[in-house]
Amino acid sequence: MRRLSSLSLVAIFLLSSLSSFYVPPVEAASARGGSKDDFSIFSIVVGNQTKSPENWVQPDGSVVDYVLQGSQFEVEIKVYRDGQPTSPAKQTDAKLEIVHPIGFVMDTYYWTTGDMAGQAKDTKLIQWSATEAHSILNTTTNELTGGIILRASVNFSQDDRNDNDV
């Protein structure tokens, strides 16, 4: 009996000393950023119930939206935070860029979202005036191409998934 208790005591000491080498995986570590702090652009909507973009029917039957020069529209941008709903609320910086078809940025709007826990969305409304017209209508094929690009992005330093930030 004495030998069994001695052997049990040695086994307990051995297990307790080996357990100090155990490191929890990154997913198990809380409040360290990464995928728990994954912010992304959920949607960009131009217009509202009272004023929306015009529609153009392409030769293949698809419909594209366009706006007329000088028109003013409400642009709604939704930022989404992935993760658990019980995660601590955090904010992120976001921006909307109005981009010319050849690539230069014509205008930029910056803002900081409200506090967002996991699975939350934050909405920003911006009044935008289409000061330039950059669509091209091919009168031979009746196809509308080009146009201004609305590009939104988020920047959260602890977000390690950058493939969905724009």
N, C-alpha and C. Protein backbone atom coordinates (compact mmCIF):
# COMPACT_ATOMS: atom_id res chain seq x y z
N MET A 1 0.83 -1.19 0.00
CA MET A 1 0.00 0.00 0.00
C MET A 1 0.87 1.25 0.00
N ARG A 2 1.96 1.18 0.80
CA ARG A 2 2.86 2.33 0.90
C ARG A 2 3.52 2.59 -0.45
N ARG A 3 3.85 1.53 -1.16
CA ARG A 3 4.49 1.68 -2.46
C ARG A 3 3.52 2.32 -3.47
N LEU A 4 2.25 2.00 -3.43
CA LEU A 4 1.24 2.57 -4.33
C LEU A 4 1.07 4.06 -4.09
N SER A 5 1.05 4.49 -2.83
CA SER A 5 0.93 5.92 -2.55
C SER A 5 2.18 6.68 -2.96
N SER A 6 3.35 6.08 -2.84
CA SER A 6 4.59 6.73 -3.28
C SER A 6 4.59 6.88 -4.80
N LEU A 7 4.16 5.85 -5.49
CA LEU A 7 4.09 5.89 -6.94
C LEU A 7 3.06 6.93 -7.41
N SER A 8 1.95 7.02 -6.73
CA SER A 8 0.93 8.02 -7.06
C SER A 8 1.46 9.42 -6.85
N LEU A 9 2.18 9.63 -5.78
CA LEU A 9 2.75 10.94 -5.48
C LEU A 9 3.77 11.35 -6.55
N VAL A 10 4.60 10.44 -6.98
CA VAL A 10 5.58 10.72 -8.04
C VAL A 10 4.85 11.04 -9.35
N ALA A 11 3.82 10.31 -9.67
CA ALA A 11 3.05 10.56 -10.89
C ALA A 11 2.39 11.93 -10.87
N ILE A 12 1.87 12.33 -9.73
CA ILE A 12 1.24 13.65 -9.61
C ILE A 12 2.27 14.75 -9.79
N PHE A 13 3.43 14.62 -9.18
CA PHE A 13 4.50 15.62 -9.34
C PHE A 13 4.96 15.70 -10.79
N LEU A 14 5.07 14.56 -11.44
CA LEU A 14 5.50 14.52 -12.83
C LEU A 14 4.48 15.22 -13.73
N LEU A 15 3.21 14.93 -13.54
CA LEU A 15 2.16 15.56 -14.35
C LEU A 15 2.08 17.06 -14.10
N SER A 16 2.22 17.48 -12.86
CA SER A 16 2.14 18.91 -12.57
C SER A 16 3.33 19.66 -13.16
N SER A 17 4.50 19.05 -13.18
CA SER A 17 5.65 19.73 -13.77
C SER A 17 5.54 19.77 -15.29
N LEU A 18 4.99 18.74 -15.91
CA LEU A 18 4.81 18.74 -17.37
C LEU A 18 3.70 19.69 -17.82
N SER A 19 2.73 19.93 -16.97
CA SER A 19 1.63 20.81 -17.36
C SER A 19 2.08 22.25 -17.53
N SER A 20 3.21 22.62 -16.96
CA SER A 20 3.70 24.00 -17.13
C SER A 20 4.18 24.24 -18.55
N PHE A 21 4.45 23.18 -19.32
CA PHE A 21 4.88 23.33 -20.70
C PHE A 21 3.71 23.47 -21.67
N TYR A 22 2.52 23.29 -21.20
CA TYR A 22 1.33 23.39 -22.05
C TYR A 22 1.03 24.86 -22.33
N VAL A 23 0.89 25.21 -23.60
CA VAL A 23 0.53 26.56 -24.01
C VAL A 23 -0.78 26.47 -24.76
N PRO A 24 -1.79 27.24 -24.35
CA PRO A 24 -3.07 27.15 -25.07
C PRO A 24 -2.93 27.67 -26.49
N PRO A 25 -3.69 27.12 -27.44
CA PRO A 25 -3.63 27.62 -28.81
C PRO A 25 -4.12 29.06 -28.88
N VAL A 26 -3.77 29.74 -29.98
CA VAL A 26 -4.10 31.16 -30.13
C VAL A 26 -5.60 31.38 -30.06
N GLU A 27 -6.39 30.47 -30.61
CA GLU A 27 -7.84 30.65 -30.60
C GLU A 27 -8.38 30.66 -29.18
N ALA A 28 -7.69 29.97 -28.27
CA ALA A 28 -8.16 29.90 -26.89
C ALA A 28 -7.76 31.12 -26.08
N ALA A 29 -6.81 31.89 -26.57
CA ALA A 29 -6.39 33.09 -25.85
C ALA A 29 -7.39 34.20 -26.13
N SER A 30 -7.90 34.82 -25.10
CA SER A 30 -8.93 35.84 -25.29
C SER A 30 -8.32 37.23 -25.33
N ALA A 31 -9.02 38.14 -26.01
CA ALA A 31 -8.68 39.56 -26.07
C ALA A 31 -7.30 39.82 -26.65
N ARG A 32 -6.93 39.01 -27.64
CA ARG A 32 -5.64 39.23 -28.27
C ARG A 32 -5.78 39.61 -29.74
N GLY A 33 -6.91 40.07 -30.17
CA GLY A 33 -7.08 40.47 -31.55
C GLY A 33 -7.27 39.27 -32.45
N GLY A 34 -6.79 39.39 -33.68
CA GLY A 34 -6.91 38.30 -34.63
C GLY A 34 -8.32 38.18 -35.16
N SER A 35 -8.76 36.95 -35.40
CA SER A 35 -10.06 36.74 -36.02
C SER A 35 -11.21 37.18 -35.13
N LYS A 36 -10.98 37.35 -33.84
CA LYS A 36 -12.05 37.86 -32.97
C LYS A 36 -12.31 39.34 -33.24
N ASP A 37 -11.35 40.00 -33.85
CA ASP A 37 -11.47 41.42 -34.16
C ASP A 37 -11.52 41.63 -35.67
N ASP A 38 -12.25 40.79 -36.37
CA ASP A 38 -12.34 40.88 -37.82
C ASP A 38 -13.43 41.86 -38.21
N PHE A 39 -13.02 43.04 -38.65
CA PHE A 39 -13.95 44.06 -39.14
C PHE A 39 -13.95 44.00 -40.67
N SER A 40 -15.11 44.23 -41.28
CA SER A 40 -15.21 44.23 -42.73
C SER A 40 -16.32 45.17 -43.17
N ILE A 41 -16.30 45.52 -44.46
CA ILE A 41 -17.38 46.32 -45.03
C ILE A 41 -18.49 45.36 -45.41
N PHE A 42 -19.66 45.56 -44.84
CA PHE A 42 -20.80 44.67 -45.09
C PHE A 42 -21.54 45.09 -46.36
N SER A 43 -21.77 46.40 -46.53
CA SER A 43 -22.50 46.86 -47.72
C SER A 43 -22.29 48.34 -47.95
N ILE A 44 -22.48 48.75 -49.21
CA ILE A 44 -22.52 50.15 -49.61
C ILE A 44 -23.79 50.31 -50.43
N VAL A 45 -24.66 51.21 -50.01
CA VAL A 45 -25.92 51.44 -50.72
C VAL A 45 -25.99 52.92 -51.09
N VAL A 46 -26.21 53.18 -52.38
CA VAL A 46 -26.35 54.56 -52.87
C VAL A 46 -27.83 54.85 -53.02
N GLY A 47 -28.27 55.95 -52.40
CA GLY A 47 -29.67 56.34 -52.47
C GLY A 47 -30.46 55.85 -51.29
N ASN A 48 -31.72 56.27 -51.26
CA ASN A 48 -32.63 55.84 -50.20
C ASN A 48 -34.02 55.69 -50.80
N GLN A 49 -35.06 55.67 -49.97
CA GLN A 49 -36.41 55.45 -50.47
C GLN A 49 -36.92 56.62 -51.30
N THR A 50 -36.44 57.83 -51.03
CA THR A 50 -36.93 58.99 -51.76
C THR A 50 -36.13 59.30 -53.02
N LYS A 51 -34.85 58.94 -53.04
CA LYS A 51 -34.03 59.22 -54.22
C LYS A 51 -33.02 58.09 -54.41
N SER A 52 -33.09 57.45 -55.57
CA SER A 52 -32.18 56.33 -55.84
C SER A 52 -31.52 56.53 -57.21
N PRO A 53 -30.45 55.79 -57.49
CA PRO A 53 -29.79 55.92 -58.80
C PRO A 53 -30.70 55.49 -59.95
N GLU A 54 -30.35 55.96 -61.13
CA GLU A 54 -31.06 55.56 -62.35
C GLU A 54 -30.61 54.14 -62.73
N ASN A 55 -31.40 53.48 -63.56
CA ASN A 55 -31.07 52.13 -64.03
C ASN A 55 -30.86 52.14 -65.53
N TRP A 56 -29.87 51.39 -65.99
CA TRP A 56 -29.59 51.23 -67.41
C TRP A 56 -29.60 49.74 -67.72
N VAL A 57 -30.36 49.35 -68.75
CA VAL A 57 -30.42 47.95 -69.15
C VAL A 57 -29.37 47.72 -70.23
N GLN A 58 -28.43 46.84 -69.94
CA GLN A 58 -27.35 46.51 -70.87
C GLN A 58 -27.88 45.59 -71.97
N PRO A 59 -27.15 45.47 -73.08
CA PRO A 59 -27.60 44.59 -74.17
C PRO A 59 -27.80 43.13 -73.76
N ASP A 60 -27.07 42.66 -72.75
CA ASP A 60 -27.23 41.27 -72.30
C ASP A 60 -28.39 41.10 -71.32
N GLY A 61 -29.11 42.19 -71.03
CA GLY A 61 -30.27 42.12 -70.13
C GLY A 61 -29.96 42.47 -68.69
N SER A 62 -28.69 42.58 -68.34
CA SER A 62 -28.35 42.96 -66.96
C SER A 62 -28.62 44.45 -66.75
N VAL A 63 -28.84 44.81 -65.50
CA VAL A 63 -29.17 46.19 -65.16
C VAL A 63 -28.03 46.77 -64.33
N VAL A 64 -27.56 47.97 -64.70
CA VAL A 64 -26.53 48.66 -63.92
C VAL A 64 -27.10 49.99 -63.43
N ASP A 65 -26.65 50.39 -62.25
CA ASP A 65 -27.06 51.68 -61.69
C ASP A 65 -26.11 52.76 -62.17
N TYR A 66 -26.64 53.97 -62.35
CA TYR A 66 -25.80 55.12 -62.66
C TYR A 66 -26.44 56.36 -62.05
N VAL A 67 -25.62 57.38 -61.84
CA VAL A 67 -26.11 58.65 -61.29
C VAL A 67 -25.76 59.76 -62.26
N LEU A 68 -26.56 60.80 -62.24
CA LEU A 68 -26.34 61.94 -63.12
C LEU A 68 -25.44 62.96 -62.44
N GLN A 69 -24.61 63.62 -63.24
CA GLN A 69 -23.73 64.65 -62.71
C GLN A 69 -24.55 65.74 -62.03
N GLY A 70 -24.11 66.16 -60.86
CA GLY A 70 -24.81 67.20 -60.10
C GLY A 70 -25.84 66.66 -59.13
N SER A 71 -26.12 65.37 -59.18
CA SER A 71 -27.08 64.77 -58.26
C SER A 71 -26.45 64.58 -56.88
N GLN A 72 -27.27 64.71 -55.85
CA GLN A 72 -26.80 64.45 -54.49
C GLN A 72 -27.52 63.22 -53.95
N PHE A 73 -26.75 62.31 -53.37
CA PHE A 73 -27.29 61.06 -52.87
C PHE A 73 -26.81 60.79 -51.46
N GLU A 74 -27.62 60.03 -50.76
CA GLU A 74 -27.23 59.50 -49.46
C GLU A 74 -26.51 58.17 -49.71
N VAL A 75 -25.33 58.01 -49.14
CA VAL A 75 -24.58 56.76 -49.25
C VAL A 75 -24.55 56.12 -47.87
N GLU A 76 -25.03 54.89 -47.79
CA GLU A 76 -25.06 54.16 -46.52
C GLU A 76 -23.99 53.08 -46.55
N ILE A 77 -23.06 53.15 -45.58
CA ILE A 77 -22.00 52.17 -45.47
C ILE A 77 -22.18 51.41 -44.17
N LYS A 78 -22.22 50.08 -44.25
CA LYS A 78 -22.34 49.25 -43.05
C LYS A 78 -21.02 48.52 -42.80
N VAL A 79 -20.51 48.68 -41.58
CA VAL A 79 -19.31 47.97 -41.14
C VAL A 79 -19.77 46.83 -40.24
N TYR A 80 -19.17 45.66 -40.45
CA TYR A 80 -19.55 44.46 -39.70
C TYR A 80 -18.36 43.96 -38.90
N ARG A 81 -18.62 43.52 -37.67
CA ARG A 81 -17.57 42.90 -36.85
C ARG A 81 -17.93 41.45 -36.62
N ASP A 82 -17.05 40.57 -37.04
CA ASP A 82 -17.24 39.14 -36.82
C ASP A 82 -16.81 38.80 -35.40
N GLY A 83 -17.14 37.61 -34.96
CA GLY A 83 -16.73 37.17 -33.63
C GLY A 83 -17.93 36.85 -32.76
N GLN A 84 -17.67 36.57 -31.51
CA GLN A 84 -18.71 36.21 -30.56
C GLN A 84 -19.45 37.46 -30.06
N PRO A 85 -20.77 37.38 -29.90
CA PRO A 85 -21.53 38.53 -29.39
C PRO A 85 -21.11 38.94 -27.98
N THR A 86 -20.47 38.05 -27.25
CA THR A 86 -20.05 38.37 -25.89
C THR A 86 -18.67 39.01 -25.83
N SER A 87 -18.02 39.19 -26.99
CA SER A 87 -16.68 39.78 -26.98
C SER A 87 -16.77 41.26 -26.60
N PRO A 88 -15.71 41.82 -26.02
CA PRO A 88 -15.74 43.22 -25.61
C PRO A 88 -15.94 44.14 -26.81
N ALA A 89 -16.70 45.20 -26.62
CA ALA A 89 -16.99 46.14 -27.71
C ALA A 89 -15.74 46.93 -28.07
N LYS A 90 -15.53 47.11 -29.38
CA LYS A 90 -14.39 47.87 -29.89
C LYS A 90 -14.83 48.73 -31.05
N GLN A 91 -14.03 49.76 -31.34
CA GLN A 91 -14.28 50.65 -32.47
C GLN A 91 -13.20 50.43 -33.52
N THR A 92 -13.47 50.88 -34.74
CA THR A 92 -12.46 50.85 -35.79
C THR A 92 -12.59 52.09 -36.65
N ASP A 93 -11.52 52.43 -37.35
CA ASP A 93 -11.53 53.54 -38.29
C ASP A 93 -12.00 53.03 -39.64
N ALA A 94 -12.78 53.85 -40.33
CA ALA A 94 -13.29 53.47 -41.64
C ALA A 94 -13.20 54.66 -42.57
N LYS A 95 -13.26 54.38 -43.87
CA LYS A 95 -13.26 55.47 -44.84
C LYS A 95 -14.00 55.06 -46.10
N LEU A 96 -14.53 56.07 -46.77
CA LEU A 96 -15.17 55.91 -48.07
C LEU A 96 -14.39 56.76 -49.05
N GLU A 97 -13.95 56.15 -50.15
CA GLU A 97 -13.23 56.88 -51.18
C GLU A 97 -14.07 56.93 -52.45
N ILE A 98 -14.11 58.10 -53.07
CA ILE A 98 -14.75 58.28 -54.37
C ILE A 98 -13.60 58.24 -55.38
N VAL A 99 -13.58 57.20 -56.23
CA VAL A 99 -12.43 56.94 -57.09
C VAL A 99 -12.80 57.15 -58.55
N HIS A 100 -11.96 57.90 -59.27
CA HIS A 100 -12.09 58.11 -60.70
C HIS A 100 -11.81 56.79 -61.42
N PRO A 101 -12.42 56.54 -62.59
CA PRO A 101 -12.20 55.27 -63.29
C PRO A 101 -10.73 54.95 -63.60
N ILE A 102 -9.87 55.98 -63.74
CA ILE A 102 -8.46 55.68 -64.02
C ILE A 102 -7.67 55.46 -62.74
N GLY A 103 -8.31 55.60 -61.56
CA GLY A 103 -7.67 55.19 -60.32
C GLY A 103 -7.36 56.24 -59.29
N PHE A 104 -7.43 57.54 -59.61
CA PHE A 104 -7.09 58.50 -58.56
C PHE A 104 -8.31 58.79 -57.69
N VAL A 105 -8.02 59.07 -56.43
CA VAL A 105 -9.07 59.30 -55.44
C VAL A 105 -9.52 60.76 -55.54
N MET A 106 -10.81 60.95 -55.81
CA MET A 106 -11.37 62.29 -55.97
C MET A 106 -11.80 62.90 -54.64
N ASP A 107 -12.29 62.07 -53.73
CA ASP A 107 -12.79 62.55 -52.44
C ASP A 107 -12.71 61.41 -51.43
N THR A 108 -12.51 61.76 -50.15
CA THR A 108 -12.41 60.76 -49.09
C THR A 108 -13.18 61.22 -47.87
N TYR A 109 -13.92 60.32 -47.26
CA TYR A 109 -14.66 60.58 -46.03
C TYR A 109 -14.14 59.60 -44.96
N TYR A 110 -13.76 60.14 -43.80
CA TYR A 110 -13.26 59.32 -42.69
C TYR A 110 -14.24 59.36 -41.53
N TRP A 111 -14.32 58.26 -40.78
CA TRP A 111 -15.11 58.24 -39.55
C TRP A 111 -14.64 57.08 -38.68
N THR A 112 -15.07 57.11 -37.43
CA THR A 112 -14.82 56.02 -36.48
C THR A 112 -16.15 55.41 -36.12
N THR A 113 -16.23 54.10 -36.18
CA THR A 113 -17.48 53.42 -35.87
C THR A 113 -17.79 53.56 -34.38
N GLY A 114 -19.01 53.23 -34.03
CA GLY A 114 -19.37 53.14 -32.62
C GLY A 114 -18.81 51.85 -32.04
N ASP A 115 -19.01 51.65 -30.75
CA ASP A 115 -18.57 50.41 -30.11
C ASP A 115 -19.35 49.24 -30.69
N MET A 116 -18.63 48.20 -31.09
CA MET A 116 -19.25 47.04 -31.71
C MET A 116 -18.74 45.77 -31.04
N ALA A 117 -19.67 44.95 -30.55
CA ALA A 117 -19.31 43.60 -30.09
C ALA A 117 -19.35 42.68 -31.30
N GLY A 118 -19.08 41.41 -31.12
CA GLY A 118 -19.12 40.47 -32.24
C GLY A 118 -20.52 40.37 -32.83
N GLN A 119 -20.60 40.14 -34.14
CA GLN A 119 -21.85 40.01 -34.90
C GLN A 119 -22.61 41.33 -35.02
N ALA A 120 -21.97 42.45 -34.71
CA ALA A 120 -22.65 43.75 -34.74
C ALA A 120 -22.35 44.48 -36.06
N LYS A 121 -23.27 45.37 -36.44
CA LYS A 121 -23.10 46.22 -37.61
C LYS A 121 -23.23 47.67 -37.18
N ASP A 122 -22.43 48.53 -37.80
CA ASP A 122 -22.48 49.96 -37.54
C ASP A 122 -22.75 50.65 -38.88
N THR A 123 -23.69 51.57 -38.91
CA THR A 123 -24.08 52.23 -40.16
C THR A 123 -23.66 53.68 -40.15
N LYS A 124 -23.09 54.13 -41.27
CA LYS A 124 -22.70 55.53 -41.45
C LYS A 124 -23.41 56.05 -42.69
N LEU A 125 -24.04 57.22 -42.57
CA LEU A 125 -24.70 57.87 -43.70
C LEU A 125 -23.88 59.08 -44.12
N ILE A 126 -23.59 59.18 -45.41
CA ILE A 126 -22.80 60.28 -45.96
C ILE A 126 -23.58 60.89 -47.11
N GLN A 127 -23.61 62.22 -47.16
CA GLN A 127 -24.22 62.91 -48.29
C GLN A 127 -23.13 63.12 -49.35
N TRP A 128 -23.35 62.58 -50.55
CA TRP A 128 -22.36 62.65 -51.61
C TRP A 128 -22.98 63.30 -52.84
N SER A 129 -22.25 64.25 -53.43
CA SER A 129 -22.67 64.90 -54.67
C SER A 129 -21.82 64.38 -55.82
N ALA A 130 -22.47 63.92 -56.86
CA ALA A 130 -21.76 63.44 -58.05
C ALA A 130 -21.34 64.65 -58.87
N THR A 131 -20.15 65.17 -58.58
CA THR A 131 -19.69 66.40 -59.24
C THR A 131 -19.14 66.15 -60.63
N GLU A 132 -18.83 64.92 -60.95
CA GLU A 132 -18.26 64.57 -62.25
C GLU A 132 -19.08 63.46 -62.90
N ALA A 133 -19.04 63.42 -64.22
CA ALA A 133 -19.69 62.34 -64.97
C ALA A 133 -18.61 61.56 -65.69
N HIS A 134 -18.54 60.26 -65.46
CA HIS A 134 -17.46 59.47 -66.06
C HIS A 134 -17.93 58.17 -66.70
N SER A 135 -19.20 58.02 -66.94
CA SER A 135 -19.68 56.84 -67.64
C SER A 135 -19.57 57.07 -69.14
N ILE A 136 -19.40 56.00 -69.88
CA ILE A 136 -19.30 56.09 -71.34
C ILE A 136 -20.37 55.20 -71.94
N LEU A 137 -21.16 55.77 -72.85
CA LEU A 137 -22.19 55.00 -73.55
C LEU A 137 -21.69 54.68 -74.95
N ASN A 138 -21.53 53.41 -75.24
CA ASN A 138 -21.15 52.97 -76.57
C ASN A 138 -22.43 52.92 -77.39
N THR A 139 -22.59 53.89 -78.30
CA THR A 139 -23.84 54.00 -79.07
C THR A 139 -23.99 52.88 -80.10
N THR A 140 -22.92 52.19 -80.43
CA THR A 140 -23.00 51.07 -81.36
C THR A 140 -23.61 49.84 -80.69
N THR A 141 -23.14 49.56 -79.45
CA THR A 141 -23.61 48.36 -78.74
C THR A 141 -24.66 48.69 -77.67
N ASN A 142 -24.87 49.97 -77.40
CA ASN A 142 -25.80 50.43 -76.36
C ASN A 142 -25.38 49.94 -74.96
N GLU A 143 -24.06 49.86 -74.75
CA GLU A 143 -23.52 49.39 -73.48
C GLU A 143 -22.95 50.57 -72.69
N LEU A 144 -23.30 50.64 -71.40
CA LEU A 144 -22.81 51.68 -70.49
C LEU A 144 -21.63 51.12 -69.70
N THR A 145 -20.48 51.80 -69.78
CA THR A 145 -19.28 51.34 -69.08
C THR A 145 -18.66 52.49 -68.30
N GLY A 146 -17.66 52.14 -67.48
CA GLY A 146 -16.95 53.17 -66.71
C GLY A 146 -17.73 53.60 -65.49
N GLY A 147 -17.48 54.82 -65.07
CA GLY A 147 -18.20 55.37 -63.93
C GLY A 147 -17.34 55.49 -62.69
N ILE A 148 -17.84 56.28 -61.76
CA ILE A 148 -17.16 56.51 -60.49
C ILE A 148 -17.25 55.24 -59.63
N ILE A 149 -16.19 54.98 -58.89
CA ILE A 149 -16.14 53.81 -58.00
C ILE A 149 -16.24 54.29 -56.56
N LEU A 150 -17.15 53.71 -55.79
CA LEU A 150 -17.24 53.97 -54.36
C LEU A 150 -16.55 52.81 -53.65
N ARG A 151 -15.47 53.12 -52.92
CA ARG A 151 -14.67 52.07 -52.28
C ARG A 151 -14.57 52.38 -50.78
N ALA A 152 -15.07 51.47 -49.97
CA ALA A 152 -15.02 51.64 -48.51
C ALA A 152 -14.03 50.64 -47.93
N SER A 153 -13.39 51.02 -46.83
CA SER A 153 -12.44 50.12 -46.17
C SER A 153 -12.41 50.39 -44.68
N VAL A 154 -11.94 49.40 -43.93
CA VAL A 154 -11.77 49.53 -42.48
C VAL A 154 -10.30 49.29 -42.15
N ASN A 155 -9.87 49.86 -41.01
CA ASN A 155 -8.48 49.71 -40.59
C ASN A 155 -8.45 49.50 -39.09
N PHE A 156 -8.32 48.25 -38.67
CA PHE A 156 -8.20 47.91 -37.26
C PHE A 156 -6.88 47.16 -37.10
N SER A 157 -5.96 47.72 -36.33
CA SER A 157 -4.59 47.20 -36.28
C SER A 157 -4.51 45.75 -35.82
N GLN A 158 -5.44 45.29 -35.00
CA GLN A 158 -5.37 43.92 -34.49
C GLN A 158 -6.09 42.92 -35.39
N ASP A 159 -6.68 43.39 -36.48
CA ASP A 159 -7.38 42.51 -37.43
C ASP A 159 -6.34 41.83 -38.31
N ASP A 160 -6.22 40.51 -38.19
CA ASP A 160 -5.23 39.80 -38.99
C ASP A 160 -5.81 39.20 -40.28
N ARG A 161 -7.08 39.45 -40.54
CA ARG A 161 -7.70 39.02 -41.80
C ARG A 161 -7.93 40.25 -42.65
N ASN A 162 -7.02 40.54 -43.55
CA ASN A 162 -7.10 41.75 -44.34
C ASN A 162 -7.73 41.54 -45.71
N ASP A 163 -8.11 40.31 -46.04
CA ASP A 163 -8.70 40.05 -47.34
C ASP A 163 -10.10 40.61 -47.48
N ASN A 164 -10.75 40.97 -46.38
CA ASN A 164 -12.12 41.48 -46.45
C ASN A 164 -12.25 42.90 -45.90
N ASP A 165 -11.14 43.64 -45.84
CA ASP A 165 -11.17 44.99 -45.27
C ASP A 165 -11.62 46.06 -46.25
N VAL A 166 -11.69 45.75 -47.55
CA VAL A 166 -12.10 46.74 -48.56
C VAL A 166 -13.39 46.27 -49.19
